[in-house]
C-alpha cells in the first residue's frame, strides 16, 4: 500500500482513506478463501458498500485500487461509487 500511495502522490493525488479487504479472517471468510475475488467488482458486496459510503463521506475524487482492474470492473465500480475507479497499475500512474 505504501508503494501505491507513493505512486499516487507522484501523479499529484493524495490518499485520504485506506481500506483493506481481508480474506479468511472470519469462519465464513476462511471457507471462501479458495474462491476467486468477484469478477464483477473485485470486492465482496459488503466491502463495496463500505468503500462507496466512505468515498461519499470524504467526497473522494476517485477510488484507487492496488490490484489491477479489468475494463468491466472499472466500469462497474465507477458506476457503483459514483466516481472513477482506477488502479495504480493503470497508465495514469505508469509514466516511467
PDB file of N, CA and C in Angstrom:
ATOM      1  N   UNK A   1       0.811  -1.196   0.000  1.00  0.00           N
ATOM      2  CA  UNK A   1       0.000   0.000   0.000  1.00  0.00           C
ATOM      3  C   UNK A   1       0.855   1.261   0.000  1.00  0.00           C
ATOM      4  N   UNK A   2       2.001   1.197   0.671  1.00  0.00           N
ATOM      5  CA  UNK A   2       2.870   2.369   0.715  1.00  0.00           C
ATOM      6  C   UNK A   2       3.372   2.723  -0.679  1.00  0.00           C
ATOM      7  N   UNK A   3       3.717   1.709  -1.475  1.00  0.00           N
ATOM      8  CA  UNK A   3       4.167   1.946  -2.842  1.00  0.00           C
ATOM      9  C   UNK A   3       3.039   2.568  -3.665  1.00  0.00           C
ATOM     10  N   UNK A   4       1.829   2.072  -3.493  1.00  0.00           N
ATOM     11  CA  UNK A   4       0.682   2.620  -4.225  1.00  0.00           C
ATOM     12  C   UNK A   4       0.445   4.070  -3.832  1.00  0.00           C
ATOM     13  N   UNK A   5       0.557   4.390  -2.551  1.00  0.00           N
ATOM     14  CA  UNK A   5       0.374   5.764  -2.088  1.00  0.00           C
ATOM     15  C   UNK A   5       1.457   6.669  -2.664  1.00  0.00           C
ATOM     16  N   UNK A   6       2.685   6.177  -2.735  1.00  0.00           N
ATOM     17  CA  UNK A   6       3.781   6.960  -3.307  1.00  0.00           C
ATOM     18  C   UNK A   6       3.547   7.221  -4.791  1.00  0.00           C
ATOM     19  N   UNK A   7       3.069   6.213  -5.501  1.00  0.00           N
ATOM     20  CA  UNK A   7       2.789   6.383  -6.940  1.00  0.00           C
ATOM     21  C   UNK A   7       1.645   7.376  -7.140  1.00  0.00           C
ATOM     22  N   UNK A   8       0.660   7.305  -6.289  1.00  0.00           N
ATOM     23  CA  UNK A   8      -0.468   8.229  -6.371  1.00  0.00           C
ATOM     24  C   UNK A   8       0.012   9.658  -6.101  1.00  0.00           C
ATOM     25  N   UNK A   9       0.846   9.839  -5.080  1.00  0.00           N
ATOM     26  CA  UNK A   9       1.378  11.163  -4.761  1.00  0.00           C
ATOM     27  C   UNK A   9       2.224  11.695  -5.916  1.00  0.00           C
ATOM     28  N   UNK A  10       3.010  10.830  -6.533  1.00  0.00           N
ATOM     29  CA  UNK A  10       3.841  11.245  -7.670  1.00  0.00           C
ATOM     30  C   UNK A  10       2.984  11.706  -8.839  1.00  0.00           C
ATOM     31  N   UNK A  11       1.762  11.183  -8.933  1.00  0.00           N
ATOM     32  CA  UNK A  11       0.839  11.572 -10.008  1.00  0.00           C
ATOM     33  C   UNK A  11      -0.021  12.769  -9.598  1.00  0.00           C
ATOM     34  N   UNK A  12       0.248  13.322  -8.387  1.00  0.00           N
ATOM     35  CA  UNK A  12      -0.476  14.512  -7.957  1.00  0.00           C
ATOM     36  C   UNK A  12      -1.685  14.235  -7.078  1.00  0.00           C
ATOM     37  N   UNK A  13      -1.870  12.987  -6.682  1.00  0.00           N
ATOM     38  CA  UNK A  13      -3.013  12.633  -5.851  1.00  0.00           C
ATOM     39  C   UNK A  13      -2.661  12.602  -4.378  1.00  0.00           C
ATOM     40  N   UNK A  14      -3.677  12.388  -3.553  1.00  0.00           N
ATOM     41  CA  UNK A  14      -3.484  12.321  -2.114  1.00  0.00           C
ATOM     42  C   UNK A  14      -4.391  11.242  -1.543  1.00  0.00           C
ATOM     43  N   UNK A  15      -3.831  10.366  -0.750  1.00  0.00           N
ATOM     44  CA  UNK A  15      -4.602   9.314  -0.101  1.00  0.00           C
ATOM     45  C   UNK A  15      -5.304   9.931   1.104  1.00  0.00           C
ATOM     46  N   UNK A  16      -6.630   9.771   1.167  1.00  0.00           N
ATOM     47  CA  UNK A  16      -7.364  10.293   2.323  1.00  0.00           C
ATOM     48  C   UNK A  16      -7.892   9.168   3.211  1.00  0.00           C
ATOM     49  N   UNK A  17      -8.052   7.976   2.656  1.00  0.00           N
ATOM     50  CA  UNK A  17      -8.520   6.816   3.414  1.00  0.00           C
ATOM     51  C   UNK A  17      -7.913   5.567   2.788  1.00  0.00           C
ATOM     52  N   UNK A  18      -7.548   4.614   3.619  1.00  0.00           N
ATOM     53  CA  UNK A  18      -7.093   3.306   3.130  1.00  0.00           C
ATOM     54  C   UNK A  18      -8.056   2.259   3.672  1.00  0.00           C
ATOM     55  N   UNK A  19      -8.550   1.417   2.793  1.00  0.00           N
ATOM     56  CA  UNK A  19      -9.454   0.342   3.178  1.00  0.00           C
ATOM     57  C   UNK A  19      -8.854  -0.963   2.694  1.00  0.00           C
ATOM     58  N   UNK A  20      -8.829  -1.945   3.564  1.00  0.00           N
ATOM     59  CA  UNK A  20      -8.244  -3.244   3.240  1.00  0.00           C
ATOM     60  C   UNK A  20      -9.338  -4.298   3.279  1.00  0.00           C
ATOM     61  N   UNK A  21      -9.365  -5.138   2.267  1.00  0.00           N
ATOM     62  CA  UNK A  21     -10.267  -6.284   2.283  1.00  0.00           C
ATOM     63  C   UNK A  21      -9.456  -7.483   2.734  1.00  0.00           C
ATOM     64  N   UNK A  22      -9.773  -7.971   3.917  1.00  0.00           N
ATOM     65  CA  UNK A  22      -9.071  -9.139   4.448  1.00  0.00           C
ATOM     66  C   UNK A  22      -9.913 -10.368   4.170  1.00  0.00           C
ATOM     67  N   UNK A  23      -9.260 -11.405   3.745  1.00  0.00           N
ATOM     68  CA  UNK A  23      -9.963 -12.656   3.466  1.00  0.00           C
ATOM     69  C   UNK A  23      -9.474 -13.722   4.428  1.00  0.00           C
ATOM     70  N   UNK A  24     -10.387 -14.567   4.845  1.00  0.00           N
ATOM     71  CA  UNK A  24     -10.014 -15.689   5.685  1.00  0.00           C
ATOM     72  C   UNK A  24      -9.941 -15.365   7.157  1.00  0.00           C
ATOM     73  N   UNK A  25     -10.423 -14.192   7.558  1.00  0.00           N
ATOM     74  CA  UNK A  25     -10.358 -13.786   8.958  1.00  0.00           C
ATOM     75  C   UNK A  25     -11.493 -14.421   9.755  1.00  0.00           C
ATOM     76  N   UNK A  26     -12.691 -14.376   9.213  1.00  0.00           N
ATOM     77  CA  UNK A  26     -13.840 -14.982   9.901  1.00  0.00           C
ATOM     78  C   UNK A  26     -14.003 -16.427   9.444  1.00  0.00           C
ATOM     79  N   UNK A  27     -14.837 -17.164  10.163  1.00  0.00           N
ATOM     80  CA  UNK A  27     -15.105 -18.548   9.753  1.00  0.00           C
ATOM     81  C   UNK A  27     -15.683 -18.620   8.353  1.00  0.00           C
ATOM     82  N   UNK A  28     -16.635 -17.743   8.061  1.00  0.00           N
ATOM     83  CA  UNK A  28     -17.229 -17.712   6.720  1.00  0.00           C
ATOM     84  C   UNK A  28     -16.216 -17.317   5.672  1.00  0.00           C
ATOM     85  N   UNK A  29     -15.359 -16.351   6.009  1.00  0.00           N
ATOM     86  CA  UNK A  29     -14.327 -15.912   5.072  1.00  0.00           C
ATOM     87  C   UNK A  29     -13.297 -16.984   4.816  1.00  0.00           C
ATOM     88  N   UNK A  30     -12.963 -17.735   5.854  1.00  0.00           N
ATOM     89  CA  UNK A  30     -11.973 -18.807   5.701  1.00  0.00           C
ATOM     90  C   UNK A  30     -12.480 -19.873   4.738  1.00  0.00           C
ATOM     91  N   UNK A  31     -13.775 -20.155   4.784  1.00  0.00           N
ATOM     92  CA  UNK A  31     -14.345 -21.152   3.874  1.00  0.00           C
ATOM     93  C   UNK A  31     -14.332 -20.668   2.419  1.00  0.00           C
ATOM     94  N   UNK A  32     -14.261 -19.360   2.215  1.00  0.00           N
ATOM     95  CA  UNK A  32     -14.301 -18.800   0.858  1.00  0.00           C
ATOM     96  C   UNK A  32     -12.911 -18.498   0.283  1.00  0.00           C
ATOM     97  N   UNK A  33     -11.865 -18.814   1.034  1.00  0.00           N
ATOM     98  CA  UNK A  33     -10.510 -18.479   0.597  1.00  0.00           C
ATOM     99  C   UNK A  33     -10.146 -19.092  -0.756  1.00  0.00           C
ATOM    100  N   UNK A  34     -10.688 -20.242  -1.075  1.00  0.00           N
ATOM    101  CA  UNK A  34     -10.338 -20.883  -2.340  1.00  0.00           C
ATOM    102  C   UNK A  34     -11.104 -20.286  -3.522  1.00  0.00           C
ATOM    103  N   UNK A  35     -12.108 -19.463  -3.234  1.00  0.00           N
ATOM    104  CA  UNK A  35     -12.886 -18.841  -4.305  1.00  0.00           C
ATOM    105  C   UNK A  35     -12.165 -17.597  -4.818  1.00  0.00           C
ATOM    106  N   UNK A  36     -12.313 -17.279  -6.101  1.00  0.00           N
ATOM    107  CA  UNK A  36     -11.668 -16.067  -6.628  1.00  0.00           C
ATOM    108  C   UNK A  36     -12.403 -14.829  -6.133  1.00  0.00           C
ATOM    109  N   UNK A  37     -11.719 -13.683  -6.215  1.00  0.00           N
ATOM    110  CA  UNK A  37     -12.395 -12.423  -5.951  1.00  0.00           C
ATOM    111  C   UNK A  37     -13.526 -12.265  -6.961  1.00  0.00           C
ATOM    112  N   UNK A  38     -14.483 -11.414  -6.661  1.00  0.00           N
ATOM    113  CA  UNK A  38     -15.596 -11.172  -7.570  1.00  0.00           C
ATOM    114  C   UNK A  38     -15.079 -10.676  -8.919  1.00  0.00           C
ATOM    115  N   UNK A  39     -15.467 -11.350  -9.982  1.00  0.00           N
ATOM    116  CA  UNK A  39     -15.047 -10.901 -11.311  1.00  0.00           C
ATOM    117  C   UNK A  39     -15.745  -9.602 -11.685  1.00  0.00           C
ATOM    118  N   UNK A  40     -16.846  -9.312 -11.033  1.00  0.00           N
ATOM    119  CA  UNK A  40     -17.607  -8.113 -11.332  1.00  0.00           C
ATOM    120  C   UNK A  40     -17.037  -6.887 -10.622  1.00  0.00           C
ATOM    121  N   UNK A  41     -16.645  -7.033  -9.353  1.00  0.00           N
ATOM    122  CA  UNK A  41     -16.237  -5.866  -8.572  1.00  0.00           C
ATOM    123  C   UNK A  41     -14.888  -6.001  -7.873  1.00  0.00           C
ATOM    124  N   UNK A  42     -14.303  -7.167  -7.843  1.00  0.00           N
ATOM    125  CA  UNK A  42     -13.064  -7.448  -7.136  1.00  0.00           C
ATOM    126  C   UNK A  42     -13.245  -7.439  -5.619  1.00  0.00           C
ATOM    127  N   UNK A  43     -14.372  -6.937  -5.148  1.00  0.00           N
ATOM    128  CA  UNK A  43     -14.658  -6.809  -3.717  1.00  0.00           C
ATOM    129  C   UNK A  43     -15.861  -7.651  -3.332  1.00  0.00           C
ATOM    130  N   UNK A  44     -15.963  -7.924  -2.040  1.00  0.00           N
ATOM    131  CA  UNK A  44     -17.204  -8.528  -1.562  1.00  0.00           C
ATOM    132  C   UNK A  44     -18.289  -7.453  -1.622  1.00  0.00           C
ATOM    133  N   UNK A  45     -19.535  -7.859  -1.589  1.00  0.00           N
ATOM    134  CA  UNK A  45     -20.639  -6.910  -1.670  1.00  0.00           C
ATOM    135  C   UNK A  45     -20.596  -5.924  -0.502  1.00  0.00           C
ATOM    136  N   UNK A  46     -20.338  -6.438   0.692  1.00  0.00           N
ATOM    137  CA  UNK A  46     -20.272  -5.570   1.870  1.00  0.00           C
ATOM    138  C   UNK A  46     -19.120  -4.586   1.800  1.00  0.00           C
ATOM    139  N   UNK A  47     -17.972  -5.040   1.323  1.00  0.00           N
ATOM    140  CA  UNK A  47     -16.807  -4.153   1.215  1.00  0.00           C
ATOM    141  C   UNK A  47     -17.052  -3.086   0.151  1.00  0.00           C
ATOM    142  N   UNK A  48     -17.707  -3.441  -0.943  1.00  0.00           N
ATOM    143  CA  UNK A  48     -18.024  -2.458  -1.984  1.00  0.00           C
ATOM    144  C   UNK A  48     -18.936  -1.373  -1.421  1.00  0.00           C
ATOM    145  N   UNK A  49     -19.926  -1.756  -0.617  1.00  0.00           N
ATOM    146  CA  UNK A  49     -20.807  -0.766   0.019  1.00  0.00           C
ATOM    147  C   UNK A  49     -20.014   0.121   0.976  1.00  0.00           C
ATOM    148  N   UNK A  50     -19.097  -0.485   1.737  1.00  0.00           N
ATOM    149  CA  UNK A  50     -18.279   0.287   2.670  1.00  0.00           C
ATOM    150  C   UNK A  50     -17.432   1.319   1.918  1.00  0.00           C
ATOM    151  N   UNK A  51     -16.807   0.904   0.835  1.00  0.00           N
ATOM    152  CA  UNK A  51     -15.975   1.816   0.045  1.00  0.00           C
ATOM    153  C   UNK A  51     -16.830   2.952  -0.514  1.00  0.00           C
ATOM    154  N   UNK A  52     -18.005   2.636  -1.041  1.00  0.00           N
ATOM    155  CA  UNK A  52     -18.897   3.662  -1.585  1.00  0.00           C
ATOM    156  C   UNK A  52     -19.299   4.661  -0.501  1.00  0.00           C
ATOM    157  N   UNK A  53     -19.635   4.164   0.678  1.00  0.00           N
ATOM    158  CA  UNK A  53     -20.031   5.041   1.783  1.00  0.00           C
ATOM    159  C   UNK A  53     -18.894   5.956   2.210  1.00  0.00           C
ATOM    160  N   UNK A  54     -17.693   5.402   2.340  1.00  0.00           N
ATOM    161  CA  UNK A  54     -16.541   6.206   2.752  1.00  0.00           C
ATOM    162  C   UNK A  54     -16.177   7.219   1.676  1.00  0.00           C
ATOM    163  N   UNK A  55     -16.228   6.812   0.419  1.00  0.00           N
ATOM    164  CA  UNK A  55     -15.920   7.738  -0.680  1.00  0.00           C
ATOM    165  C   UNK A  55     -16.897   8.912  -0.665  1.00  0.00           C
ATOM    166  N   UNK A  56     -18.167   8.637  -0.384  1.00  0.00           N
ATOM    167  CA  UNK A  56     -19.158   9.715  -0.265  1.00  0.00           C
ATOM    168  C   UNK A  56     -18.845  10.607   0.935  1.00  0.00           C
ATOM    169  N   UNK A  57     -18.516   9.992   2.059  1.00  0.00           N
ATOM    170  CA  UNK A  57     -18.252  10.727   3.292  1.00  0.00           C
ATOM    171  C   UNK A  57     -17.094  11.707   3.137  1.00  0.00           C
ATOM    172  N   UNK A  58     -16.023  11.269   2.492  1.00  0.00           N
ATOM    173  CA  UNK A  58     -14.841  12.142   2.337  1.00  0.00           C
ATOM    174  C   UNK A  58     -14.867  12.917   1.024  1.00  0.00           C
ATOM    175  N   UNK A  59     -15.920  12.726   0.229  1.00  0.00           N
ATOM    176  CA  UNK A  59     -16.068  13.383  -1.071  1.00  0.00           C
ATOM    177  C   UNK A  59     -14.840  13.147  -1.954  1.00  0.00           C
ATOM    178  N   UNK A  60     -14.456  11.881  -2.056  1.00  0.00           N
ATOM    179  CA  UNK A  60     -13.279  11.494  -2.842  1.00  0.00           C
ATOM    180  C   UNK A  60     -13.478  11.799  -4.321  1.00  0.00           C
ATOM    181  N   UNK A  61     -12.407  12.185  -4.975  1.00  0.00           N
ATOM    182  CA  UNK A  61     -12.442  12.417  -6.419  1.00  0.00           C
ATOM    183  C   UNK A  61     -12.406  11.108  -7.189  1.00  0.00           C
ATOM    184  N   UNK A  62     -11.783  10.084  -6.599  1.00  0.00           N
ATOM    185  CA  UNK A  62     -11.651   8.779  -7.249  1.00  0.00           C
ATOM    186  C   UNK A  62     -11.398   7.724  -6.180  1.00  0.00           C
ATOM    187  N   UNK A  63     -11.599   6.474  -6.566  1.00  0.00           N
ATOM    188  CA  UNK A  63     -11.257   5.336  -5.715  1.00  0.00           C
ATOM    189  C   UNK A  63     -10.149   4.588  -6.437  1.00  0.00           C
ATOM    190  N   UNK A  64      -9.012   4.433  -5.758  1.00  0.00           N
ATOM    191  CA  UNK A  64      -7.827   3.838  -6.377  1.00  0.00           C
ATOM    192  C   UNK A  64      -7.567   2.474  -5.742  1.00  0.00           C
ATOM    193  N   UNK A  65      -7.393   1.479  -6.593  1.00  0.00           N
ATOM    194  CA  UNK A  65      -7.132   0.106  -6.164  1.00  0.00           C
ATOM    195  C   UNK A  65      -5.667  -0.233  -6.369  1.00  0.00           C
ATOM    196  N   UNK A  66      -5.124  -1.069  -5.482  1.00  0.00           N
ATOM    197  CA  UNK A  66      -3.759  -1.551  -5.682  1.00  0.00           C
ATOM    198  C   UNK A  66      -3.742  -2.722  -6.647  1.00  0.00           C
ATOM    199  N   UNK A  67      -4.853  -3.447  -6.752  1.00  0.00           N
ATOM    200  CA  UNK A  67      -4.961  -4.567  -7.690  1.00  0.00           C
ATOM    201  C   UNK A  67      -5.330  -4.048  -9.078  1.00  0.00           C
ATOM    202  N   UNK A  68      -4.894  -4.741 -10.126  1.00  0.00           N
ATOM    203  CA  UNK A  68      -5.336  -4.370 -11.475  1.00  0.00           C
ATOM    204  C   UNK A  68      -6.844  -4.570 -11.604  1.00  0.00           C
ATOM    205  N   UNK A  69      -7.476  -3.705 -12.369  1.00  0.00           N
ATOM    206  CA  UNK A  69      -8.904  -3.813 -12.642  1.00  0.00           C
ATOM    207  C   UNK A  69      -9.114  -4.086 -14.126  1.00  0.00           C
ATOM    208  N   UNK A  70     -10.071  -4.952 -14.430  1.00  0.00           N
ATOM    209  CA  UNK A  70     -10.454  -5.154 -15.825  1.00  0.00           C
ATOM    210  C   UNK A  70     -11.304  -3.966 -16.250  1.00  0.00           C
ATOM    211  N   UNK A  71     -11.503  -3.806 -17.535  1.00  0.00           N
ATOM    212  CA  UNK A  71     -12.376  -2.729 -18.019  1.00  0.00           C
ATOM    213  C   UNK A  71     -13.772  -2.874 -17.444  1.00  0.00           C
ATOM    214  N   UNK A  72     -14.254  -4.107 -17.370  1.00  0.00           N
ATOM    215  CA  UNK A  72     -15.587  -4.358 -16.812  1.00  0.00           C
ATOM    216  C   UNK A  72     -15.643  -3.959 -15.338  1.00  0.00           C
ATOM    217  N   UNK A  73     -14.636  -4.340 -14.562  1.00  0.00           N
ATOM    218  CA  UNK A  73     -14.606  -3.967 -13.144  1.00  0.00           C
ATOM    219  C   UNK A  73     -14.539  -2.452 -12.990  1.00  0.00           C
ATOM    220  N   UNK A  74     -13.731  -1.806 -13.816  1.00  0.00           N
ATOM    221  CA  UNK A  74     -13.602  -0.348 -13.750  1.00  0.00           C
ATOM    222  C   UNK A  74     -14.951   0.321 -14.015  1.00  0.00           C
ATOM    223  N   UNK A  75     -15.659  -0.131 -15.039  1.00  0.00           N
ATOM    224  CA  UNK A  75     -16.977   0.439 -15.361  1.00  0.00           C
ATOM    225  C   UNK A  75     -17.978   0.179 -14.234  1.00  0.00           C
ATOM    226  N   UNK A  76     -18.018  -1.057 -13.750  1.00  0.00           N
ATOM    227  CA  UNK A  76     -18.967  -1.426 -12.701  1.00  0.00           C
ATOM    228  C   UNK A  76     -18.699  -0.635 -11.425  1.00  0.00           C
ATOM    229  N   UNK A  77     -17.436  -0.574 -11.010  1.00  0.00           N
ATOM    230  CA  UNK A  77     -17.090   0.133  -9.775  1.00  0.00           C
ATOM    231  C   UNK A  77     -17.297   1.635  -9.907  1.00  0.00           C
ATOM    232  N   UNK A  78     -16.983   2.198 -11.059  1.00  0.00           N
ATOM    233  CA  UNK A  78     -17.211   3.625 -11.284  1.00  0.00           C
ATOM    234  C   UNK A  78     -18.696   3.950 -11.142  1.00  0.00           C
ATOM    235  N   UNK A  79     -19.542   3.121 -11.715  1.00  0.00           N
ATOM    236  CA  UNK A  79     -20.985   3.324 -11.587  1.00  0.00           C
ATOM    237  C   UNK A  79     -21.439   3.142 -10.142  1.00  0.00           C
ATOM    238  N   UNK A  80     -20.897   2.147  -9.472  1.00  0.00           N
ATOM    239  CA  UNK A  80     -21.273   1.843  -8.099  1.00  0.00           C
ATOM    240  C   UNK A  80     -20.850   2.958  -7.134  1.00  0.00           C
ATOM    241  N   UNK A  81     -19.653   3.516  -7.341  1.00  0.00           N
ATOM    242  CA  UNK A  81     -19.116   4.524  -6.433  1.00  0.00           C
ATOM    243  C   UNK A  81     -19.510   5.949  -6.812  1.00  0.00           C
ATOM    244  N   UNK A  82     -19.953   6.153  -8.051  1.00  0.00           N
ATOM    245  CA  UNK A  82     -20.303   7.498  -8.497  1.00  0.00           C
ATOM    246  C   UNK A  82     -19.087   8.392  -8.709  1.00  0.00           C
ATOM    247  N   UNK A  83     -17.942   7.764  -8.927  1.00  0.00           N
ATOM    248  CA  UNK A  83     -16.676   8.461  -9.171  1.00  0.00           C
ATOM    249  C   UNK A  83     -15.741   7.470  -9.826  1.00  0.00           C
ATOM    250  N   UNK A  84     -14.694   7.939 -10.489  1.00  0.00           N
ATOM    251  CA  UNK A  84     -13.808   6.997 -11.179  1.00  0.00           C
ATOM    252  C   UNK A  84     -13.186   5.967 -10.244  1.00  0.00           C
ATOM    253  N   UNK A  85     -13.162   4.742 -10.698  1.00  0.00           N
ATOM    254  CA  UNK A  85     -12.442   3.654 -10.025  1.00  0.00           C
ATOM    255  C   UNK A  85     -11.265   3.320 -10.924  1.00  0.00           C
ATOM    256  N   UNK A  86     -10.064   3.461 -10.397  1.00  0.00           N
ATOM    257  CA  UNK A  86      -8.853   3.223 -11.179  1.00  0.00           C
ATOM    258  C   UNK A  86      -7.896   2.366 -10.369  1.00  0.00           C
ATOM    259  N   UNK A  87      -6.867   1.887 -11.026  1.00  0.00           N
ATOM    260  CA  UNK A  87      -5.852   1.082 -10.371  1.00  0.00           C
ATOM    261  C   UNK A  87      -4.495   1.764 -10.504  1.00  0.00           C
ATOM    262  N   UNK A  88      -3.637   1.576  -9.529  1.00  0.00           N
ATOM    263  CA  UNK A  88      -2.282   2.134  -9.646  1.00  0.00           C
ATOM    264  C   UNK A  88      -1.516   1.462 -10.770  1.00  0.00           C
ATOM    265  N   UNK A  89      -2.038   0.386 -11.310  1.00  0.00           N
ATOM    266  CA  UNK A  89      -1.404  -0.263 -12.454  1.00  0.00           C
ATOM    267  C   UNK A  89      -1.840   0.370 -13.779  1.00  0.00           C
ATOM    268  N   UNK A  90      -2.818   1.304 -13.740  1.00  0.00           N
ATOM    269  CA  UNK A  90      -3.297   1.951 -14.957  1.00  0.00           C
ATOM    270  C   UNK A  90      -2.236   2.901 -15.515  1.00  0.00           C
ATOM    271  N   UNK A  91      -2.367   3.252 -16.769  1.00  0.00           N
ATOM    272  CA  UNK A  91      -1.402   4.100 -17.455  1.00  0.00           C
ATOM    273  C   UNK A  91      -1.198   5.439 -16.760  1.00  0.00           C
ATOM    274  N   UNK A  92      -2.228   5.960 -16.122  1.00  0.00           N
ATOM    275  CA  UNK A  92      -2.138   7.242 -15.421  1.00  0.00           C
ATOM    276  C   UNK A  92      -0.970   7.266 -14.452  1.00  0.00           C
ATOM    277  N   UNK A  93      -0.695   6.122 -13.829  1.00  0.00           N
ATOM    278  CA  UNK A  93       0.336   6.050 -12.812  1.00  0.00           C
ATOM    279  C   UNK A  93       1.645   5.470 -13.326  1.00  0.00           C
ATOM    280  N   UNK A  94       1.688   5.100 -14.584  1.00  0.00           N
ATOM    281  CA  UNK A  94       2.887   4.457 -15.142  1.00  0.00           C
ATOM    282  C   UNK A  94       3.543   5.334 -16.191  1.00  0.00           C
ATOM    283  N   UNK A  95       3.978   6.490 -15.783  1.00  0.00           N
ATOM    284  CA  UNK A  95       4.600   7.421 -16.723  1.00  0.00           C
ATOM    285  C   UNK A  95       6.105   7.241 -16.822  1.00  0.00           C
ATOM    286  N   UNK A  96       6.632   6.148 -16.237  1.00  0.00           N
ATOM    287  CA  UNK A  96       8.083   5.887 -16.261  1.00  0.00           C
ATOM    288  C   UNK A  96       8.582   5.674 -17.676  1.00  0.00           C
TER     289      UNK A  96
END
